[in-house]
Amino acid sequence: MNRFALLLIMLPVALACGRDGTASAPSTQSQKACGTPASSETVRIMQGLKPHCEGCHAQGARGYFASVDTFQSLLVSDARLVKAGSPDDSELIRLLEGRGIAAFKQMPIGEKSYAQLVSEGTATLPIADVRAWIQGLSTQQRDARPDPDATRITRMSATQVQRALYQQLGLTHDDFFISATEFGIPMAESRNDDLYPMQPPDAVPAPRQLPTAERFYGLGGGSVMNQTAQDRSASPTFALTLTQVSQRWCRLALAKTGNTALFPAGSQRTADPADVKATLRRWSLHFLGERFTDAQVDALYTDVFVPLSTPTDTEPAWVGVCSYFIRHPHWIFY
């Protein structure tokens, strides 16, 4: 976990803006570059909406409620969502009232709109207050400069992990699932849970068995239907799930008949050190997009392949090396 945490390095960026979004220089040009800071009323509105919105919007590209800064820069300063001075033309208001015009008709997602939650007393911030706040907003300026506190690398999402593994290991949906039905509804039924199948709960056809979705959640996957936000942190659960899935899927890929993803035509799968090192060098490009040096290849052969290999069985060694690349920080983060 510490190794992962060390990767989340903030690159120093020299900016003219302070941490609160205000400009250190009084010029109009600097103010425009730095963006409009959040007002106290904006903070109040954010806090009122937060209990009903942060479940799905606490991180990622739509992490509006991760902080006051993200609420201001991602939502308030986005004219597509909040049109200053015009509540009726603001998609935020339309979503809260259950009449959105984009992909979703209401927020939060569910049977009841925010307006209904207010009428029932579940939500305490009246929509009238949100309307008045937007009516009083002046034109908002988004900060065009990078945030010095923003993470410069990000972890692959659960969906990206699944798709990348399918492609790099030469696996497909059919290696894990067969078509089935439940009450006449098409479902994806696991061939064998020992294969560690994984399917997002929102996928079509939906997974029939719960563990397939639980592995997706373990990798930080989210669900619109179940109102579960995705988690792209390098958590212990993610590390454990990725370790288990990578080892099982690598073994499956190595055993799959006719699979050339890991051993293309002409390559040798033997215990000969020269053949093994040639494969390790090729896999560094295949999985990481970088060419390992001779020293790196020698270290990987000595520290991973050799300890897992026996005179009669090299499969554990190949699985270990394959899993090593998938669990490599340069594979996980980008």
Protein backbone atom coordinates (compact mmCIF):
# COMPACT_ATOMS: atom_id res chain seq x y z
CA MET A 1 0.00 0.00 0.00
CA ASN A 2 2.85 2.38 0.78
CA ARG A 3 4.33 1.74 -2.66
CA PHE A 4 1.04 2.78 -4.25
CA ALA A 5 0.71 5.81 -2.03
CA LEU A 6 4.18 7.02 -2.98
CA LEU A 7 3.08 7.17 -6.60
CA LEU A 8 0.48 9.81 -5.92
CA ILE A 9 2.97 12.63 -6.22
CA MET A 10 1.89 16.17 -6.78
CA LEU A 11 4.05 17.86 -9.41
CA PRO A 12 4.99 21.42 -8.41
CA VAL A 13 3.30 24.04 -10.56
CA ALA A 14 3.99 27.76 -10.25
CA LEU A 15 0.71 29.62 -10.43
CA ALA A 16 -0.44 33.13 -9.78
CA CYS A 17 -3.52 31.86 -7.92
CA GLY A 18 -3.85 31.29 -4.20
CA ARG A 19 -5.29 28.11 -2.73
CA ASP A 20 -8.70 29.73 -2.34
CA GLY A 21 -8.89 30.54 -6.06
CA THR A 22 -8.23 34.26 -5.67
CA ALA A 23 -5.44 35.93 -7.62
CA SER A 24 -2.27 37.02 -5.91
CA ALA A 25 -2.04 39.91 -8.38
CA PRO A 26 -4.85 42.49 -8.52
CA SER A 27 -5.02 42.63 -12.33
CA THR A 28 -8.23 41.76 -14.19
CA GLN A 29 -6.29 39.31 -16.35
CA SER A 30 -5.13 37.35 -13.30
CA GLN A 31 -8.65 37.28 -11.88
CA LYS A 32 -9.98 35.78 -15.11
CA ALA A 33 -7.17 33.22 -15.24
CA CYS A 34 -7.79 32.16 -11.66
CA GLY A 35 -11.56 31.84 -11.85
CA THR A 36 -14.38 33.10 -9.66
CA PRO A 37 -14.02 32.08 -6.00
CA ALA A 38 -16.92 30.42 -4.21
CA SER A 39 -19.11 32.77 -2.19
CA SER A 40 -20.52 32.02 1.24
CA GLU A 41 -23.94 31.48 -0.34
CA THR A 42 -22.42 29.00 -2.78
CA VAL A 43 -20.96 27.10 0.16
CA ARG A 44 -24.37 27.06 1.87
CA ILE A 45 -26.07 25.69 -1.25
CA MET A 46 -23.40 23.03 -1.64
CA GLN A 47 -23.78 21.89 1.96
CA GLY A 48 -27.55 21.72 1.57
CA LEU A 49 -27.40 19.55 -1.55
CA LYS A 50 -24.44 17.45 -0.48
CA PRO A 51 -26.25 14.77 1.60
CA HIS A 52 -28.33 13.82 -1.42
CA CYS A 53 -25.67 14.15 -4.12
CA GLU A 54 -22.25 13.16 -2.78
CA GLY A 55 -23.02 9.42 -2.98
CA CYS A 56 -22.41 9.56 -6.74
CA HIS A 57 -20.51 12.84 -7.03
CA ALA A 58 -17.68 12.76 -4.50
CA GLN A 59 -14.86 11.91 -6.91
CA GLY A 60 -13.90 11.62 -10.54
CA ALA A 61 -14.76 13.87 -13.46
CA ARG A 62 -18.16 14.62 -11.89
CA GLY A 63 -16.94 14.88 -8.31
CA TYR A 64 -18.85 18.11 -7.74
CA PHE A 65 -19.17 17.56 -4.00
CA ALA A 66 -15.59 16.50 -3.23
CA SER A 67 -14.81 19.99 -1.96
CA VAL A 68 -15.92 23.61 -2.22
CA ASP A 69 -13.32 24.14 -4.95
CA THR A 70 -14.64 21.28 -7.08
CA PHE A 71 -18.24 22.40 -6.57
CA GLN A 72 -17.28 25.88 -7.76
CA SER A 73 -15.06 24.86 -10.67
CA LEU A 74 -16.91 21.78 -11.96
CA LEU A 75 -20.53 22.80 -11.40
CA VAL A 76 -21.07 26.48 -10.59
CA SER A 77 -18.65 27.68 -13.28
CA ASP A 78 -20.02 25.31 -15.92
CA ALA A 79 -22.71 27.21 -17.83
CA ARG A 80 -24.11 23.92 -19.12
CA LEU A 81 -25.21 23.12 -15.56
CA VAL A 82 -25.61 26.50 -13.89
CA LYS A 83 -26.47 29.52 -16.02
CA ALA A 84 -25.83 32.56 -13.86
CA GLY A 85 -28.91 34.75 -13.48
CA SER A 86 -31.25 32.23 -15.15
CA PRO A 87 -32.52 29.36 -12.97
CA ASP A 88 -34.96 28.08 -15.61
CA ASP A 89 -32.11 27.71 -18.12
CA SER A 90 -29.92 25.84 -15.61
CA GLU A 91 -29.75 22.06 -15.98
CA LEU A 92 -29.11 21.78 -12.23
CA ILE A 93 -32.59 23.15 -11.51
CA ARG A 94 -34.17 20.94 -14.17
CA LEU A 95 -32.51 17.87 -12.66
CA LEU A 96 -33.58 18.75 -9.13
CA GLU A 97 -37.15 19.23 -10.35
CA GLY A 98 -37.17 15.97 -12.34
CA ARG A 99 -37.23 17.47 -15.83
CA GLY A 100 -33.65 17.18 -17.04
CA ILE A 101 -33.01 17.30 -20.76
CA ALA A 102 -29.75 15.31 -20.90
CA ALA A 103 -29.05 11.62 -20.24
CA PHE A 104 -30.67 11.73 -16.80
CA LYS A 105 -34.05 13.27 -16.04
CA GLN A 106 -33.53 13.80 -12.33
CA MET A 107 -31.01 13.89 -9.52
CA PRO A 108 -30.59 12.08 -7.31
CA ILE A 109 -31.32 8.94 -9.32
CA GLY A 110 -34.23 7.00 -7.88
CA GLU A 111 -37.97 7.00 -7.63
CA LYS A 112 -38.21 10.49 -6.18
CA SER A 113 -36.79 13.76 -7.44
CA TYR A 114 -35.06 16.22 -5.13
CA ALA A 115 -38.20 18.37 -5.23
CA GLN A 116 -40.23 15.45 -3.88
CA LEU A 117 -37.64 14.85 -1.16
CA VAL A 118 -38.02 18.49 -0.12
CA SER A 119 -41.82 18.21 -0.03
CA GLU A 120 -41.53 15.15 2.23
CA GLY A 121 -39.03 16.83 4.54
CA THR A 122 -36.18 14.46 3.69
CA ALA A 123 -34.21 17.27 2.06
CA THR A 124 -33.97 20.53 3.99
CA LEU A 125 -32.69 22.97 1.35
CA PRO A 126 -35.68 24.34 -0.61
CA ILE A 127 -35.38 24.54 -4.39
CA ALA A 128 -36.51 28.14 -4.04
CA ASP A 129 -33.19 28.82 -2.29
CA VAL A 130 -31.25 27.17 -5.12
CA ARG A 131 -33.20 29.25 -7.65
CA ALA A 132 -32.53 32.46 -5.74
CA TRP A 133 -28.83 31.62 -5.51
CA ILE A 134 -28.55 31.07 -9.29
CA GLN A 135 -30.59 34.23 -9.93
CA GLY A 136 -28.08 36.22 -7.90
CA LEU A 137 -24.98 34.77 -9.52
CA SER A 138 -22.87 36.92 -11.79
CA THR A 139 -21.09 35.38 -14.77
CA GLN A 140 -18.70 32.77 -13.45
CA GLN A 141 -15.14 32.40 -14.75
CA ARG A 142 -13.57 28.93 -14.78
CA ASP A 143 -9.92 28.66 -13.86
CA ALA A 144 -8.00 27.81 -17.03
CA ARG A 145 -4.83 26.97 -15.13
CA PRO A 146 -3.99 23.56 -13.61
CA ASP A 147 -4.67 22.98 -9.93
CA PRO A 148 -1.37 22.60 -8.04
CA ASP A 149 -3.09 20.22 -5.61
CA ALA A 150 -4.58 17.97 -8.30
CA THR A 151 -3.29 14.43 -8.63
CA ARG A 152 -1.15 14.16 -11.75
CA ILE A 153 -1.76 10.43 -12.19
CA THR A 154 -4.90 8.40 -11.71
CA ARG A 155 -5.72 4.78 -11.08
CA MET A 156 -7.39 2.69 -13.74
CA SER A 157 -11.11 2.24 -13.17
CA ALA A 158 -12.66 -1.20 -12.69
CA THR A 159 -14.06 -1.12 -16.22
CA GLN A 160 -10.65 -0.18 -17.63
CA VAL A 161 -9.03 -3.01 -15.68
CA GLN A 162 -11.48 -5.56 -17.06
CA ARG A 163 -11.18 -4.36 -20.66
CA ALA A 164 -7.38 -4.14 -20.53
CA LEU A 165 -7.08 -7.65 -19.09
CA TYR A 166 -9.42 -9.08 -21.71
CA GLN A 167 -7.30 -7.55 -24.47
CA GLN A 168 -3.83 -8.16 -23.07
CA LEU A 169 -4.54 -11.71 -21.89
CA GLY A 170 -6.55 -12.74 -24.94
CA LEU A 171 -9.71 -13.41 -22.95
CA THR A 172 -13.33 -12.65 -23.79
CA HIS A 173 -16.73 -12.51 -22.10
CA ASP A 174 -17.43 -16.03 -23.39
CA ASP A 175 -14.49 -17.44 -21.44
CA PHE A 176 -16.35 -16.62 -18.24
CA PHE A 177 -20.07 -16.56 -19.01
CA ILE A 178 -22.81 -18.42 -20.83
CA SER A 179 -26.19 -17.04 -21.83
CA ALA A 180 -29.05 -17.73 -19.43
CA THR A 181 -32.44 -16.33 -18.50
CA GLU A 182 -34.20 -15.46 -15.28
CA PHE A 183 -37.94 -14.83 -15.42
CA GLY A 184 -37.50 -14.47 -19.17
CA ILE A 185 -34.80 -11.79 -18.78
CA PRO A 186 -31.41 -12.46 -20.48
CA MET A 187 -28.67 -12.94 -17.90
CA ALA A 188 -24.95 -13.72 -17.92
CA GLU A 189 -24.37 -16.92 -15.96
CA SER A 190 -20.90 -17.79 -14.71
CA ARG A 191 -19.30 -20.87 -16.25
CA ASN A 192 -17.46 -21.52 -13.01
CA ASP A 193 -16.82 -19.14 -10.13
CA ASP A 194 -13.37 -20.67 -9.79
CA LEU A 195 -12.50 -18.73 -12.96
CA TYR A 196 -13.11 -15.48 -11.04
CA PRO A 197 -15.61 -14.02 -13.52
CA MET A 198 -16.32 -10.32 -13.17
CA GLN A 199 -19.22 -8.34 -14.57
CA PRO A 200 -20.47 -4.81 -13.77
CA PRO A 201 -23.96 -4.86 -12.20
CA ASP A 202 -25.15 -2.40 -14.87
CA ALA A 203 -23.92 -4.57 -17.75
CA VAL A 204 -26.30 -6.06 -20.31
CA PRO A 205 -26.92 -8.91 -19.94
CA ALA A 206 -26.72 -8.48 -16.18
CA PRO A 207 -24.69 -10.94 -14.07
CA ARG A 208 -26.78 -13.71 -12.59
CA GLN A 209 -24.49 -14.45 -9.63
CA LEU A 210 -23.62 -11.88 -6.98
CA PRO A 211 -19.83 -12.60 -6.73
CA THR A 212 -19.24 -11.43 -10.31
CA ALA A 213 -20.49 -7.95 -9.36
CA GLU A 214 -18.71 -8.05 -5.99
CA ARG A 215 -15.35 -8.44 -7.73
CA PHE A 216 -16.20 -5.43 -9.87
CA TYR A 217 -16.98 -3.48 -6.69
CA GLY A 218 -13.73 -4.78 -5.18
CA LEU A 219 -11.83 -3.11 -8.00
CA GLY A 220 -13.61 0.14 -7.19
CA GLY A 221 -16.38 -0.15 -9.75
CA GLY A 222 -19.58 1.82 -9.32
CA SER A 223 -23.19 1.34 -10.37
CA VAL A 224 -25.77 3.82 -11.58
CA MET A 225 -28.60 1.37 -10.94
CA ASN A 226 -27.47 0.65 -7.38
CA GLN A 227 -26.37 4.27 -6.79
CA THR A 228 -22.85 3.22 -5.83
CA ALA A 229 -20.04 5.64 -6.59
CA GLN A 230 -16.85 4.31 -8.10
CA ASP A 231 -13.67 4.40 -6.02
CA ARG A 232 -10.37 4.95 -7.81
CA SER A 233 -8.18 5.00 -4.72
CA ALA A 234 -5.41 2.44 -4.27
CA SER A 235 -7.26 0.79 -1.39
CA PRO A 236 -6.32 -2.53 0.25
CA THR A 237 -9.50 -4.04 -1.21
CA PHE A 238 -8.45 -3.00 -4.70
CA ALA A 239 -4.94 -4.43 -4.25
CA LEU A 240 -6.29 -7.74 -2.91
CA THR A 241 -8.93 -8.10 -5.62
CA LEU A 242 -6.50 -7.24 -8.42
CA THR A 243 -3.96 -9.75 -7.09
CA GLN A 244 -6.52 -12.56 -7.04
CA VAL A 245 -8.04 -11.71 -10.42
CA SER A 246 -4.67 -11.22 -12.15
CA GLN A 247 -3.30 -14.54 -10.95
CA ARG A 248 -6.41 -16.52 -11.91
CA TRP A 249 -6.88 -14.80 -15.27
CA CYS A 250 -3.19 -15.19 -16.16
CA ARG A 251 -3.48 -18.92 -15.50
CA LEU A 252 -6.62 -19.07 -17.63
CA ALA A 253 -4.93 -17.16 -20.46
CA LEU A 254 -1.89 -19.46 -20.41
CA ALA A 255 -4.12 -22.54 -20.57
CA LYS A 256 -6.45 -21.21 -23.30
CA THR A 257 -6.05 -23.20 -26.49
CA GLY A 258 -4.92 -21.16 -29.48
CA ASN A 259 -4.35 -18.01 -27.40
CA THR A 260 -1.48 -16.01 -28.91
CA ALA A 261 -1.83 -12.89 -26.75
CA LEU A 262 1.00 -13.86 -24.41
CA PHE A 263 2.98 -16.15 -26.72
CA PRO A 264 2.68 -15.01 -30.34
CA ALA A 265 3.50 -17.39 -33.15
CA GLY A 266 7.23 -18.11 -33.21
CA SER A 267 7.87 -17.38 -29.53
CA GLN A 268 9.11 -20.15 -27.27
CA ARG A 269 7.48 -21.11 -23.97
CA THR A 270 10.26 -23.08 -22.38
CA ALA A 271 12.31 -23.03 -19.18
CA ASP A 272 15.44 -22.02 -21.07
CA PRO A 273 16.74 -18.77 -19.51
CA ALA A 274 17.24 -17.13 -22.92
CA ASP A 275 13.65 -17.90 -23.99
CA VAL A 276 12.24 -16.79 -20.65
CA LYS A 277 14.12 -13.49 -20.70
CA ALA A 278 13.03 -12.84 -24.29
CA THR A 279 9.41 -13.26 -23.15
CA LEU A 280 9.90 -11.02 -20.13
CA ARG A 281 11.32 -8.31 -22.36
CA ARG A 282 8.36 -8.68 -24.76
CA TRP A 283 5.85 -8.63 -21.90
CA SER A 284 7.29 -5.39 -20.54
CA LEU A 285 6.25 -3.79 -23.83
CA HIS A 286 2.99 -5.72 -24.01
CA PHE A 287 1.74 -4.79 -20.54
CA LEU A 288 3.53 -1.54 -19.70
CA GLY A 289 4.45 -0.05 -23.04
CA GLU A 290 8.08 0.27 -21.95
CA ARG A 291 11.19 -1.75 -22.80
CA PHE A 292 12.91 -3.25 -19.75
CA THR A 293 16.67 -2.99 -19.61
CA ASP A 294 18.82 -6.11 -19.42
CA ALA A 295 19.29 -5.43 -15.71
CA GLN A 296 15.54 -5.22 -15.13
CA VAL A 297 14.93 -8.41 -17.08
CA ASP A 298 17.65 -10.24 -15.15
CA ALA A 299 16.20 -9.05 -11.83
CA LEU A 300 12.68 -10.13 -12.79
CA TYR A 301 13.94 -13.53 -13.91
CA THR A 302 15.96 -14.03 -10.72
CA ASP A 303 13.48 -12.60 -8.21
CA VAL A 304 10.13 -13.78 -9.63
CA PHE A 305 10.43 -16.49 -12.27
CA VAL A 306 13.12 -18.68 -10.75
CA PRO A 307 11.65 -18.90 -7.21
CA LEU A 308 8.24 -19.96 -8.63
CA SER A 309 9.61 -22.46 -11.13
CA THR A 310 10.27 -26.15 -10.53
CA PRO A 311 12.15 -28.68 -12.67
CA THR A 312 8.83 -30.19 -13.81
CA ASP A 313 6.42 -27.23 -13.77
CA THR A 314 6.97 -23.66 -14.97
CA GLU A 315 3.29 -22.63 -15.00
CA PRO A 316 3.39 -21.00 -11.52
CA ALA A 317 6.41 -18.99 -12.67
CA TRP A 318 4.69 -17.75 -15.84
CA VAL A 319 1.56 -16.91 -13.83
CA GLY A 320 3.66 -15.05 -11.28
CA VAL A 321 5.44 -12.98 -13.91
CA CYS A 322 2.19 -12.24 -15.75
CA SER A 323 0.55 -11.13 -12.51
CA TYR A 324 3.64 -9.08 -11.65
CA PHE A 325 3.16 -6.93 -14.73
CA ILE A 326 -0.57 -6.44 -14.06
CA ARG A 327 0.14 -5.40 -10.46
CA HIS A 328 2.99 -3.12 -11.54
CA PRO A 329 2.35 0.55 -10.62
CA HIS A 330 2.94 1.57 -14.24
CA TRP A 331 0.06 -0.70 -15.27
CA ILE A 332 -2.30 0.39 -12.51
CA PHE A 333 -1.70 4.14 -12.78
CA TYR A 334 -1.54 6.45 -15.77
